[in-house]
Amino acid sequence: MKKYLKHAGADVSASIVVLLVALPLCLGIALGSGAPLFSGIIAGVVGGIVIGALSGSQLSVSGPAAGLTVIVATAITKLQVYEAFLLAVVIGGLLQVILGFLKAGVIGDYVPNAVIKGMLAAIGLILILKQFPHLIGYDTDFEGDESFIQSNDQNTFTAMFEAIKYITPTALVIGVLSILLMIFWESKFIKTKKSLKLFPGALMVVLVGTIVNEYLRLSGSSYALEQKHLVTLPVAESAGAFFSFFTFPDIQFLKNPDVWMSGITLAIVASLETLLAIEAADKLDPLKRVTPTNRELKAQGIGNMVSGMIGGLPLTSVVVRTSANISAGAKSKMSTILHGSMMLLCVMFVPMILNKIPLCSLAAVLIFTGYKLAKVSLFKEFYVKGWNQFIPFVATIIAILFTDLLIGILVGICVALFFLIRSNFRSAVMVVNDDHNYLIRFRKDVSFLNKPIVKKKLEEVPKNSFVIIDAERADFIDKDVIEEVNNFLCHAHLKKIRVEVKTGQNKSTKNIFSIPQITEE
C-alpha cells in the first residue's frame, strides 16, 4: 500500500483524465453496439475496479472496446434477447480464465515490435481523424468508433469532409481553445509550477469548455451548444431507478448454441486484443515494467464474468485509455482503480453535471492523445532502422486505418514475416569465388526456398574448379537442398571439379552429404 500512496498525487491526477476520456467512449461504444447506454458505464466501472485490482499491469486500463463493437452488435441481433447476450459475455469470461490457466498469454510475445509500434501510431491517427468531426461540432457518429466504414455508409475520410459542411461555430471555438490549452499545459512554464503540475490539463480543458458553454446558455445566447453536442449520461431520479439500469443474464439460454458461439468468439477476440494492448502498454511504460500475460487473461476473464453478470459490455485492455493514463503521468494501478470508482460515483450522484461537458472539449483531449501516439519522431525512428522495420510498421498502420485492429495486426505480422524470411534467405547461403576456387557456405537455417539459388550456383561452377562446401555453421539444411548438393557431388568429376565438404559436429548437419566424392574418372 505504501508504494501506491507514494504516487497518490500523480495517480489521482491521471485517474481524472482517464475518467474524462472513458465516459464518452463507454457511452459511444454502447450506442454503436446497439446495447443499453448504461451497459457501457457498467463495463467501464468493472474494467477499472475489478480488472484494475486483479491485473498485473500497473498502467493498463480496461473497458468496453471499439474493436468488439461489430461482434457485440452482431451477437445482440442474432440472440435478440439482451439477457442471452449477457450469458455469452459470462461464458466468454470463463473461457478467458481457462486460457489464462492454459498459459495462452504467450501469444502476445510473438508480435514484432514494429507491428506493436505501428498499432500505436495507427490508433493515434484514428483518434485524430475520428475526433476531428466532434472537435468542430459534427456529432452524428458515436464516440469511440474506430471502423473505417461507418454505419452511415461514410468512411473516416468522407466523414471529415462532410463535417466541414456542418461546422458548429461554438464547438469550433471551444475545440481550438481546448487544443491550445492542452499544448500550453505541456509547456515548460506549467511543468516548473508545482501547484499546477498535478492539475490535469484535460480537466482544465473540460472546465473551460463547460464554463464557456454554460455562460452562453445562461445568458440566453443562441450560440450555446445543444444537448446533442454534450455528454449524455443516463440520469436516474431515484435509487430504484438507478438499480433498474442493471440487467442480469438468463441461464435458460444455456441450451442455445448461438450463445456458446458468441461466447467463444468474444473470448478469442477479446483475448487477442487484450494481449496486443498489454504489449503496447509495456512499450509505453516509462519504467518498462513487464505485465504477466497469463494473469492478465485471468483478470480479464473474471472482469468479463462480473460485467456480464450485472448487464455490462465485454471488456478488453484498451490502448486509448491506457495511453491517456500514461500521458497523464500515472505511476501505478491505483489510477485505473480510482477512475472506475469515480465513474461509479459520478453516474450515481452527479450525472447532470457531467451532461454539461461539451464533446468538442473531450475531442481535443483525445486528439492530443492521438498526436502523442503518432508523433513524427516515431516514423523517423523506424525509417532510420531500415526497410525491414519501416515497411512492416507502415503496413500495420495502413491496414488498421482501412480495416480494423486485428486484421491490421495480422497484415503487419505477415509483412514482418516476409522480411524475416527474405533476410534469412539472403544470409543462409553465401557464395564467393576467386578465379576457379569457390566457397559455398551454408549458415543458420537453409530452407527449400534456398534450393533455386543453390542449384544455380552449383551449375555455374566451371570445369577444373575447386569447391569447398561448408555446412559447419548451419543449424538446419532442408532435404531438397541436400539432394541438390549430393547430385552435384555425384557428377562433379565429369567436369573435373574437385570438392571438399565440411559438415562439422552439428548433429542435424553431420554426414548429410553421403554421396562419395569422386574427383577423377
Protein backbone atom coordinates (compact mmCIF):
# COMPACT_ATOMS: atom_id res chain seq x y z
CA MET A 1 0.00 0.00 0.00
CA LYS A 2 2.90 2.37 0.73
CA LYS A 3 4.11 2.25 -2.86
CA TYR A 4 0.63 3.27 -4.05
CA LEU A 5 0.37 6.12 -1.54
CA LYS A 6 3.81 7.29 -2.63
CA HIS A 7 2.42 8.17 -6.07
CA ALA A 8 -1.08 9.17 -4.92
CA GLY A 9 -0.87 12.69 -6.36
CA ALA A 10 0.12 11.55 -9.85
CA ASP A 11 -2.35 8.66 -9.85
CA VAL A 12 -5.33 10.79 -8.74
CA SER A 13 -4.49 13.37 -11.40
CA ALA A 14 -4.20 10.70 -14.10
CA SER A 15 -7.40 8.95 -13.00
CA ILE A 16 -9.38 12.16 -13.62
CA VAL A 17 -8.01 12.36 -17.17
CA VAL A 18 -8.89 8.70 -17.82
CA LEU A 19 -12.38 9.27 -16.41
CA LEU A 20 -12.98 12.19 -18.77
CA VAL A 21 -11.71 10.17 -21.75
CA ALA A 22 -13.52 6.97 -20.76
CA LEU A 23 -17.01 8.39 -20.12
CA PRO A 24 -17.91 9.37 -23.70
CA LEU A 25 -16.13 6.29 -25.10
CA CYS A 26 -18.10 3.93 -22.84
CA LEU A 27 -21.38 5.57 -23.86
CA GLY A 28 -20.42 5.76 -27.54
CA ILE A 29 -19.37 2.11 -27.79
CA ALA A 30 -22.61 1.01 -26.09
CA LEU A 31 -24.58 3.14 -28.57
CA GLY A 32 -22.63 1.76 -31.54
CA SER A 33 -23.13 -1.81 -30.28
CA GLY A 34 -26.89 -1.46 -30.05
CA ALA A 35 -26.75 -2.13 -26.30
CA PRO A 36 -28.32 -0.09 -23.47
CA LEU A 37 -26.27 3.06 -22.83
CA PHE A 38 -25.68 2.16 -19.20
CA SER A 39 -24.07 -1.15 -20.21
CA GLY A 40 -21.03 0.82 -21.36
CA ILE A 41 -20.79 2.56 -17.98
CA ILE A 42 -21.04 -0.78 -16.16
CA ALA A 43 -18.22 -2.15 -18.28
CA GLY A 44 -16.09 0.94 -17.60
CA VAL A 45 -16.62 0.63 -13.84
CA VAL A 46 -15.85 -3.12 -13.79
CA GLY A 47 -12.84 -2.62 -16.05
CA GLY A 48 -11.46 -0.01 -13.68
CA ILE A 49 -12.18 -1.57 -10.30
CA VAL A 50 -12.24 -5.36 -10.83
CA ILE A 51 -9.68 -5.81 -13.60
CA GLY A 52 -7.58 -2.94 -12.26
CA ALA A 53 -7.30 -4.74 -8.91
CA LEU A 54 -6.60 -8.20 -10.34
CA SER A 55 -4.33 -7.30 -13.24
CA GLY A 56 -0.56 -7.46 -13.00
CA SER A 57 -0.26 -4.37 -15.21
CA GLN A 58 0.42 -1.10 -13.44
CA LEU A 59 -0.77 1.21 -16.21
CA SER A 60 -3.19 -0.67 -18.48
CA VAL A 61 -6.83 0.46 -18.43
CA SER A 62 -9.66 -1.90 -19.36
CA GLY A 63 -13.14 -1.12 -20.60
CA PRO A 64 -15.55 -1.66 -23.49
CA ALA A 65 -13.53 -1.80 -26.71
CA ALA A 66 -14.33 -0.32 -30.11
CA GLY A 67 -12.81 -3.43 -31.70
CA LEU A 68 -15.65 -5.54 -30.29
CA THR A 69 -18.45 -3.21 -31.45
CA VAL A 70 -19.32 -5.16 -34.62
CA ILE A 71 -19.09 -8.52 -32.84
CA VAL A 72 -21.31 -7.30 -29.99
CA ALA A 73 -23.85 -5.73 -32.36
CA THR A 74 -23.99 -8.95 -34.43
CA ALA A 75 -24.38 -11.12 -31.32
CA ILE A 76 -27.18 -8.96 -29.88
CA THR A 77 -29.02 -9.01 -33.23
CA LYS A 78 -28.63 -12.80 -33.58
CA LEU A 79 -29.61 -13.60 -29.99
CA GLN A 80 -32.40 -10.95 -29.96
CA VAL A 81 -32.65 -11.05 -26.16
CA TYR A 82 -30.10 -8.93 -24.26
CA GLU A 83 -30.14 -11.34 -21.30
CA ALA A 84 -28.95 -14.09 -23.66
CA PHE A 85 -26.10 -11.89 -24.87
CA LEU A 86 -25.05 -11.25 -21.26
CA LEU A 87 -24.84 -15.02 -20.76
CA ALA A 88 -22.48 -15.14 -23.77
CA VAL A 89 -20.31 -12.49 -22.11
CA VAL A 90 -20.11 -14.58 -18.92
CA ILE A 91 -19.19 -17.69 -20.94
CA GLY A 92 -16.55 -15.70 -22.82
CA GLY A 93 -15.07 -14.56 -19.50
CA LEU A 94 -14.97 -18.12 -18.17
CA LEU A 95 -13.14 -19.25 -21.33
CA GLN A 96 -10.61 -16.44 -20.87
CA VAL A 97 -9.86 -17.65 -17.35
CA ILE A 98 -9.28 -21.14 -18.78
CA LEU A 99 -6.98 -19.67 -21.46
CA GLY A 100 -5.03 -18.00 -18.67
CA PHE A 101 -4.50 -21.32 -16.88
CA LEU A 102 -3.51 -22.89 -20.21
CA LYS A 103 -0.80 -20.18 -20.47
CA ALA A 104 -2.15 -18.81 -23.77
CA GLY A 105 -0.77 -15.39 -22.88
CA VAL A 106 2.48 -16.26 -24.61
CA ILE A 107 0.79 -15.47 -27.97
CA GLY A 108 1.40 -11.76 -27.49
CA ASP A 109 5.17 -12.30 -27.32
CA TYR A 110 5.23 -13.35 -30.97
CA VAL A 111 4.07 -9.97 -32.30
CA PRO A 112 7.05 -7.98 -33.69
CA ASN A 113 7.95 -4.65 -32.11
CA ALA A 114 7.45 -2.83 -35.43
CA VAL A 115 3.87 -4.12 -35.57
CA ILE A 116 3.10 -3.08 -31.97
CA LYS A 117 4.50 0.41 -32.56
CA GLY A 118 2.58 0.54 -35.84
CA MET A 119 -0.59 -0.32 -33.95
CA LEU A 120 0.02 2.54 -31.50
CA ALA A 121 0.66 5.01 -34.32
CA ALA A 122 -2.45 3.80 -36.19
CA ILE A 123 -4.64 4.26 -33.14
CA GLY A 124 -3.18 7.74 -32.71
CA LEU A 125 -4.05 8.63 -36.31
CA ILE A 126 -7.53 7.13 -35.93
CA LEU A 127 -8.10 9.27 -32.84
CA ILE A 128 -7.10 12.41 -34.73
CA LEU A 129 -9.20 11.56 -37.80
CA LYS A 130 -12.26 10.32 -35.91
CA GLN A 131 -12.32 13.09 -33.31
CA PHE A 132 -11.93 15.93 -35.82
CA PRO A 133 -15.69 15.99 -36.64
CA HIS A 134 -16.51 16.12 -32.91
CA LEU A 135 -13.98 18.92 -32.47
CA ILE A 136 -15.92 21.15 -34.88
CA GLY A 137 -19.37 20.10 -33.70
CA TYR A 138 -20.38 17.34 -36.12
CA ASP A 139 -21.55 14.65 -33.68
CA THR A 140 -23.54 12.27 -35.88
CA ASP A 141 -21.08 9.40 -35.42
CA PHE A 142 -20.81 7.77 -31.99
CA GLU A 143 -17.80 8.38 -29.76
CA GLY A 144 -15.29 5.56 -29.83
CA ASP A 145 -15.98 4.42 -33.39
CA GLU A 146 -12.71 3.16 -34.91
CA SER A 147 -14.04 1.44 -38.04
CA PHE A 148 -13.13 2.78 -41.47
CA ILE A 149 -16.59 2.14 -42.95
CA GLN A 150 -19.16 3.76 -40.68
CA SER A 151 -22.74 2.73 -40.04
CA ASN A 152 -23.99 5.76 -42.03
CA ASP A 153 -22.19 4.48 -45.18
CA GLN A 154 -19.47 7.10 -44.84
CA ASN A 155 -15.85 6.33 -44.14
CA THR A 156 -13.24 8.01 -41.96
CA PHE A 157 -12.18 10.48 -44.65
CA THR A 158 -15.56 11.33 -46.19
CA ALA A 159 -16.92 11.96 -42.68
CA MET A 160 -14.23 14.61 -42.17
CA PHE A 161 -15.17 16.43 -45.38
CA GLU A 162 -18.86 16.12 -44.50
CA ALA A 163 -18.17 17.58 -41.06
CA ILE A 164 -16.65 20.72 -42.58
CA LYS A 165 -20.04 21.45 -44.21
CA TYR A 166 -21.75 21.46 -40.82
CA ILE A 167 -19.36 23.33 -38.53
CA THR A 168 -20.86 24.45 -35.23
CA PRO A 169 -19.11 27.80 -34.50
CA THR A 170 -19.17 27.48 -30.71
CA ALA A 171 -17.85 23.91 -30.82
CA LEU A 172 -15.06 25.01 -33.18
CA VAL A 173 -14.03 27.88 -30.88
CA ILE A 174 -14.13 25.71 -27.74
CA GLY A 175 -12.33 22.88 -29.55
CA VAL A 176 -9.47 25.07 -30.82
CA LEU A 177 -9.19 26.78 -27.44
CA SER A 178 -9.05 23.34 -25.79
CA ILE A 179 -6.19 22.16 -28.01
CA LEU A 180 -4.25 25.38 -27.36
CA LEU A 181 -4.78 24.83 -23.62
CA MET A 182 -3.51 21.25 -23.89
CA ILE A 183 -0.38 22.47 -25.72
CA PHE A 184 0.17 25.20 -23.13
CA TRP A 185 -0.25 22.67 -20.30
CA GLU A 186 2.65 20.67 -21.76
CA SER A 187 4.95 23.71 -21.80
CA LYS A 188 7.97 24.18 -19.53
CA PHE A 189 6.17 27.05 -17.76
CA ILE A 190 3.49 24.71 -16.36
CA LYS A 191 5.95 21.91 -15.60
CA THR A 192 8.02 24.23 -13.41
CA LYS A 193 4.98 25.20 -11.32
CA LYS A 194 4.45 22.57 -8.65
CA SER A 195 0.96 23.89 -7.87
CA LEU A 196 -0.16 23.35 -11.48
CA LYS A 197 1.89 20.27 -12.34
CA LEU A 198 -0.52 17.85 -10.68
CA PHE A 199 -3.61 19.59 -12.05
CA PRO A 200 -4.57 17.66 -15.21
CA GLY A 201 -4.60 19.63 -18.43
CA ALA A 202 -7.60 17.59 -19.59
CA LEU A 203 -9.58 18.71 -16.53
CA MET A 204 -8.70 22.34 -17.21
CA VAL A 205 -9.86 21.91 -20.82
CA VAL A 206 -13.16 20.39 -19.71
CA LEU A 207 -13.74 23.08 -17.08
CA VAL A 208 -13.06 25.92 -19.52
CA GLY A 209 -15.24 24.39 -22.23
CA THR A 210 -18.10 23.73 -19.79
CA ILE A 211 -17.91 27.22 -18.27
CA VAL A 212 -17.90 28.93 -21.69
CA ASN A 213 -20.93 26.94 -22.87
CA GLU A 214 -22.82 27.40 -19.59
CA TYR A 215 -22.22 31.14 -19.75
CA LEU A 216 -23.70 31.22 -23.25
CA ARG A 217 -26.65 29.08 -22.15
CA LEU A 218 -27.45 31.11 -19.04
CA SER A 219 -27.17 34.38 -20.96
CA GLY A 220 -29.73 33.08 -23.44
CA SER A 221 -27.33 33.15 -26.38
CA SER A 222 -28.29 31.24 -29.50
CA TYR A 223 -24.65 30.13 -29.76
CA ALA A 224 -24.97 27.81 -26.75
CA LEU A 225 -24.40 24.18 -27.67
CA GLU A 226 -27.42 21.90 -27.90
CA GLN A 227 -27.60 18.72 -25.81
CA LYS A 228 -26.60 16.59 -28.82
CA HIS A 229 -23.18 18.27 -28.66
CA LEU A 230 -22.76 17.43 -24.95
CA VAL A 231 -22.13 14.26 -22.94
CA THR A 232 -25.37 12.32 -22.45
CA LEU A 233 -25.35 10.09 -19.38
CA PRO A 234 -28.49 8.25 -18.25
CA VAL A 235 -29.96 10.11 -15.26
CA ALA A 236 -31.80 8.21 -12.52
CA GLU A 237 -34.39 10.12 -10.50
CA SER A 238 -34.13 7.71 -7.53
CA ALA A 239 -32.09 4.84 -6.15
CA GLY A 240 -34.64 2.38 -7.50
CA ALA A 241 -34.41 3.92 -10.96
CA PHE A 242 -30.61 3.70 -10.81
CA PHE A 243 -30.61 -0.01 -9.96
CA SER A 244 -33.11 -0.61 -12.76
CA PHE A 245 -30.28 0.16 -15.19
CA PHE A 246 -28.68 -3.17 -14.27
CA THR A 247 -29.65 -6.32 -16.21
CA PHE A 248 -28.87 -9.95 -15.43
CA PRO A 249 -28.20 -12.94 -17.69
CA ASP A 250 -30.85 -15.62 -18.09
CA ILE A 251 -29.49 -19.17 -17.72
CA GLN A 252 -32.41 -20.63 -19.68
CA PHE A 253 -30.46 -19.64 -22.84
CA LEU A 254 -27.60 -22.01 -21.96
CA LYS A 255 -29.05 -24.55 -24.40
CA ASN A 256 -28.86 -22.07 -27.28
CA PRO A 257 -25.80 -22.94 -29.45
CA ASP A 258 -25.63 -19.30 -30.69
CA VAL A 259 -24.96 -18.20 -27.10
CA TRP A 260 -21.95 -20.52 -26.91
CA MET A 261 -20.64 -19.48 -30.33
CA SER A 262 -20.93 -15.82 -29.35
CA GLY A 263 -19.15 -16.54 -26.07
CA ILE A 264 -16.29 -18.36 -27.83
CA THR A 265 -15.94 -15.54 -30.40
CA LEU A 266 -15.86 -12.90 -27.67
CA ALA A 267 -13.28 -14.87 -25.67
CA ILE A 268 -10.91 -15.26 -28.64
CA VAL A 269 -11.15 -11.71 -29.98
CA ALA A 270 -11.13 -10.04 -26.54
CA SER A 271 -8.09 -12.11 -25.51
CA LEU A 272 -6.16 -11.20 -28.66
CA GLU A 273 -6.98 -7.51 -28.31
CA THR A 274 -6.01 -7.59 -24.64
CA LEU A 275 -2.64 -9.25 -25.32
CA LEU A 276 -1.87 -6.70 -28.03
CA ALA A 277 -2.92 -3.80 -25.82
CA ILE A 278 -0.82 -5.13 -22.94
CA GLU A 279 2.23 -5.36 -25.21
CA ALA A 280 1.58 -1.76 -26.26
CA ALA A 281 1.17 -0.63 -22.63
CA ASP A 282 4.51 -2.21 -21.68
CA LYS A 283 6.15 -0.42 -24.63
CA LEU A 284 4.72 2.92 -23.44
CA ASP A 285 5.55 2.40 -19.76
CA PRO A 286 8.44 4.77 -18.87
CA LEU A 287 9.66 2.21 -16.30
CA LYS A 288 9.44 -0.65 -18.84
CA ARG A 289 7.63 -2.98 -16.45
CA VAL A 290 6.52 -6.31 -17.92
CA THR A 291 2.94 -7.48 -17.45
CA PRO A 292 2.34 -11.21 -16.70
CA THR A 293 0.11 -12.07 -19.66
CA ASN A 294 -1.47 -15.23 -18.27
CA ARG A 295 -2.51 -13.37 -15.13
CA GLU A 296 -3.94 -10.67 -17.39
CA LEU A 297 -6.12 -13.21 -19.22
CA LYS A 298 -7.44 -14.47 -15.90
CA ALA A 299 -8.15 -10.91 -14.70
CA GLN A 300 -9.91 -10.07 -17.96
CA GLY A 301 -11.93 -13.26 -17.75
CA ILE A 302 -13.12 -12.51 -14.20
CA GLY A 303 -13.88 -8.92 -15.25
CA ASN A 304 -15.98 -10.12 -18.18
CA MET A 305 -17.86 -12.57 -15.96
CA VAL A 306 -18.68 -9.79 -13.48
CA SER A 307 -19.61 -7.35 -16.26
CA GLY A 308 -21.91 -9.90 -17.92
CA MET A 309 -23.49 -10.78 -14.58
CA ILE A 310 -24.71 -7.21 -13.99
CA GLY A 311 -25.53 -6.08 -17.53
CA GLY A 312 -22.23 -4.73 -18.88
CA LEU A 313 -20.50 -4.99 -22.24
CA PRO A 314 -17.48 -7.29 -22.78
CA LEU A 315 -14.11 -5.88 -21.78
CA THR A 316 -10.56 -5.76 -23.06
CA SER A 317 -7.46 -3.78 -22.23
CA VAL A 318 -7.78 -0.66 -24.39
CA VAL A 319 -4.94 1.36 -25.87
CA VAL A 320 -6.66 4.77 -25.98
CA ARG A 321 -7.44 4.93 -22.26
CA THR A 322 -4.11 3.30 -21.39
CA SER A 323 -2.13 5.85 -23.41
CA ALA A 324 -4.17 8.69 -21.86
CA ASN A 325 -3.35 7.22 -18.44
CA ILE A 326 0.38 7.06 -19.19
CA SER A 327 0.44 10.51 -20.81
CA ALA A 328 -1.25 11.96 -17.74
CA GLY A 329 1.60 10.70 -15.57
CA ALA A 330 0.10 7.61 -13.86
CA LYS A 331 2.57 5.59 -11.81
CA SER A 332 0.57 2.61 -10.56
CA LYS A 333 -2.66 0.66 -10.94
CA MET A 334 -4.35 2.96 -8.40
CA SER A 335 -5.07 5.34 -11.26
CA THR A 336 -7.11 2.65 -13.05
CA ILE A 337 -8.97 1.64 -9.90
CA LEU A 338 -9.72 5.26 -8.98
CA HIS A 339 -11.05 6.08 -12.45
CA GLY A 340 -13.51 3.15 -12.17
CA SER A 341 -14.55 4.19 -8.68
CA MET A 342 -15.04 7.83 -9.70
CA MET A 343 -17.06 6.77 -12.74
CA LEU A 344 -19.44 4.85 -10.50
CA LEU A 345 -19.80 7.78 -8.07
CA CYS A 346 -20.31 10.27 -10.89
CA VAL A 347 -23.11 8.36 -12.59
CA MET A 348 -24.74 7.79 -9.21
CA PHE A 349 -24.62 11.33 -7.82
CA VAL A 350 -23.67 13.94 -10.41
CA PRO A 351 -24.76 12.80 -13.90
CA MET A 352 -26.43 16.19 -14.51
CA ILE A 353 -23.09 17.98 -14.11
CA LEU A 354 -21.29 15.57 -16.43
CA ASN A 355 -24.02 16.11 -19.02
CA LYS A 356 -22.86 19.71 -19.35
CA ILE A 357 -19.43 18.74 -20.73
CA PRO A 358 -19.01 19.64 -24.44
CA LEU A 359 -17.95 16.76 -26.68
CA CYS A 360 -15.61 19.12 -28.53
CA SER A 361 -13.55 19.59 -25.35
CA LEU A 362 -13.20 15.83 -24.92
CA ALA A 363 -12.36 15.52 -28.63
CA ALA A 364 -9.46 17.93 -28.09
CA VAL A 365 -8.12 15.73 -25.28
CA LEU A 366 -8.33 12.63 -27.49
CA ILE A 367 -6.74 14.38 -30.48
CA PHE A 368 -3.85 15.46 -28.30
CA THR A 369 -3.52 11.88 -27.02
CA GLY A 370 -3.54 10.69 -30.64
CA TYR A 371 -0.76 13.12 -31.52
CA LYS A 372 1.40 11.70 -28.75
CA LEU A 373 0.88 8.18 -30.09
CA ALA A 374 1.66 9.11 -33.70
CA LYS A 375 4.48 11.61 -33.40
CA VAL A 376 6.59 12.29 -36.48
CA SER A 377 9.66 11.24 -34.48
CA LEU A 378 8.24 7.69 -34.30
CA PHE A 379 8.12 7.47 -38.10
CA LYS A 380 11.68 8.83 -38.32
CA GLU A 381 12.86 6.28 -35.75
CA PHE A 382 11.62 3.33 -37.80
CA TYR A 383 12.82 4.83 -41.08
CA VAL A 384 16.34 5.00 -39.67
CA LYS A 385 16.13 1.35 -38.60
CA GLY A 386 15.82 0.24 -42.23
CA TRP A 387 13.19 -1.07 -44.63
CA ASN A 388 12.80 -4.40 -42.83
CA GLN A 389 11.44 -2.42 -39.82
CA PHE A 390 9.89 0.57 -41.55
CA ILE A 391 7.72 -1.28 -44.09
CA PRO A 392 6.01 -3.62 -41.52
CA PHE A 393 5.48 -0.53 -39.32
CA VAL A 394 3.80 1.42 -42.14
CA ALA A 395 1.91 -1.62 -43.45
CA THR A 396 0.39 -2.14 -39.99
CA ILE A 397 -0.71 1.49 -39.83
CA ILE A 398 -2.32 1.47 -43.28
CA ALA A 399 -4.04 -1.89 -42.71
CA ILE A 400 -5.50 -0.80 -39.34
CA LEU A 401 -6.68 2.52 -40.78
CA PHE A 402 -8.56 0.83 -43.62
CA THR A 403 -9.76 -2.33 -41.85
CA ASP A 404 -9.68 -2.94 -38.11
CA LEU A 405 -7.21 -3.65 -35.33
CA LEU A 406 -6.92 -7.43 -35.61
CA ILE A 407 -6.80 -7.56 -39.41
CA GLY A 408 -4.23 -4.78 -39.40
CA ILE A 409 -2.07 -6.64 -36.88
CA LEU A 410 -2.26 -9.84 -38.97
CA VAL A 411 -1.23 -7.90 -42.08
CA GLY A 412 1.67 -6.36 -40.17
CA ILE A 413 2.81 -9.76 -38.90
CA CYS A 414 2.67 -11.23 -42.42
CA VAL A 415 4.76 -8.35 -43.81
CA ALA A 416 7.26 -8.71 -40.96
CA LEU A 417 7.48 -12.47 -41.62
CA PHE A 418 8.16 -11.77 -45.29
CA PHE A 419 11.15 -9.59 -44.38
CA LEU A 420 12.33 -12.18 -41.85
CA ILE A 421 12.23 -14.96 -44.47
CA ARG A 422 13.84 -12.63 -47.02
CA SER A 423 16.64 -11.78 -44.60
CA ASN A 424 17.19 -15.42 -43.69
CA PHE A 425 17.03 -16.38 -47.38
CA ARG A 426 19.77 -13.91 -48.27
CA SER A 427 22.08 -14.77 -45.39
CA ALA A 428 21.58 -18.56 -45.37
CA VAL A 429 23.76 -19.23 -48.41
CA MET A 430 27.00 -17.37 -49.15
CA VAL A 431 28.91 -17.94 -52.37
CA VAL A 432 32.35 -16.39 -53.06
CA ASN A 433 34.95 -17.26 -55.67
CA ASP A 434 38.46 -16.37 -56.67
CA ASP A 435 39.18 -17.44 -60.21
CA HIS A 436 38.38 -21.19 -60.19
CA ASN A 437 38.26 -21.52 -56.42
CA TYR A 438 34.74 -21.49 -54.93
CA LEU A 439 33.41 -21.35 -51.37
CA ILE A 440 29.73 -22.23 -50.81
CA ARG A 441 28.86 -21.70 -47.16
CA PHE A 442 25.55 -22.63 -45.51
CA ARG A 443 24.60 -20.60 -42.43
CA LYS A 444 21.72 -20.70 -39.94
CA ASP A 445 18.62 -22.33 -41.46
CA VAL A 446 18.75 -23.31 -45.13
CA SER A 447 15.17 -23.92 -46.29
CA PHE A 448 13.69 -25.23 -49.54
CA LEU A 449 13.38 -21.56 -50.58
CA ASN A 450 17.17 -21.57 -50.98
CA LYS A 451 17.10 -24.53 -53.36
CA PRO A 452 16.93 -22.47 -56.61
CA ILE A 453 19.94 -20.31 -55.74
CA VAL A 454 21.99 -23.32 -54.55
CA LYS A 455 21.16 -25.23 -57.74
CA LYS A 456 22.02 -22.23 -59.92
CA LYS A 457 25.35 -21.55 -58.20
CA LEU A 458 26.42 -25.19 -58.40
CA GLU A 459 25.55 -25.37 -62.09
CA GLU A 460 27.61 -22.24 -62.75
CA VAL A 461 30.82 -23.76 -61.36
CA PRO A 462 33.15 -24.13 -64.39
CA LYS A 463 35.35 -27.09 -65.31
CA ASN A 464 38.60 -27.73 -63.48
CA SER A 465 37.46 -25.82 -60.38
CA PHE A 466 37.98 -26.43 -56.69
CA VAL A 467 34.88 -26.13 -54.49
CA ILE A 468 34.55 -26.05 -50.70
CA ILE A 469 31.04 -26.75 -49.42
CA ASP A 470 31.00 -25.58 -45.82
CA ALA A 471 28.00 -26.57 -43.63
CA GLU A 472 29.73 -26.17 -40.25
CA ARG A 473 27.70 -23.04 -39.39
CA ALA A 474 24.33 -24.41 -40.46
CA ASP A 475 21.71 -25.32 -37.86
CA PHE A 476 19.36 -26.90 -40.39
CA ILE A 477 19.52 -27.79 -44.08
CA ASP A 478 16.38 -28.79 -45.95
CA LYS A 479 16.41 -32.23 -47.65
CA ASP A 480 15.76 -30.63 -51.06
CA VAL A 481 18.96 -28.64 -50.71
CA ILE A 482 20.86 -31.73 -49.51
CA GLU A 483 19.67 -33.62 -52.59
CA GLU A 484 20.91 -30.85 -54.91
CA VAL A 485 24.35 -30.87 -53.25
CA ASN A 486 24.54 -34.66 -53.40
CA ASN A 487 23.64 -34.60 -57.10
CA PHE A 488 26.45 -32.11 -57.64
CA LEU A 489 28.87 -34.30 -55.71
CA CYS A 490 27.88 -37.29 -57.78
CA HIS A 491 28.54 -35.59 -61.12
CA ALA A 492 31.33 -33.11 -60.22
CA HIS A 493 34.03 -35.48 -61.51
CA LEU A 494 32.56 -35.26 -65.00
CA LYS A 495 33.64 -31.60 -65.13
CA LYS A 496 36.94 -32.38 -63.35
CA ILE A 497 35.74 -30.41 -60.29
CA ARG A 498 37.44 -31.22 -57.00
CA VAL A 499 35.14 -30.88 -53.97
CA GLU A 500 35.80 -30.66 -50.25
CA VAL A 501 32.88 -30.92 -47.82
CA LYS A 502 32.87 -29.64 -44.23
CA THR A 503 29.91 -30.60 -42.04
CA GLY A 504 31.28 -30.11 -38.53
CA GLN A 505 29.86 -31.82 -35.43
CA ASN A 506 26.30 -30.46 -35.52
CA LYS A 507 24.01 -33.50 -35.24
CA SER A 508 21.47 -32.07 -37.66
CA THR A 509 24.05 -31.45 -40.41
CA LYS A 510 26.75 -34.08 -39.73
CA ASN A 511 27.25 -36.59 -42.55
CA ILE A 512 24.26 -35.27 -44.52
CA PHE A 513 26.22 -35.29 -47.78
CA SER A 514 26.58 -39.04 -48.18
CA ILE A 515 27.45 -39.40 -51.86
CA PRO A 516 31.11 -40.36 -52.33
CA GLN A 517 33.31 -37.58 -53.66
CA ILE A 518 34.70 -38.80 -56.98
CA THR A 519 37.18 -36.33 -58.34
CA GLU A 520 38.66 -38.34 -61.19
CA GLU A 521 37.20 -40.59 -63.85
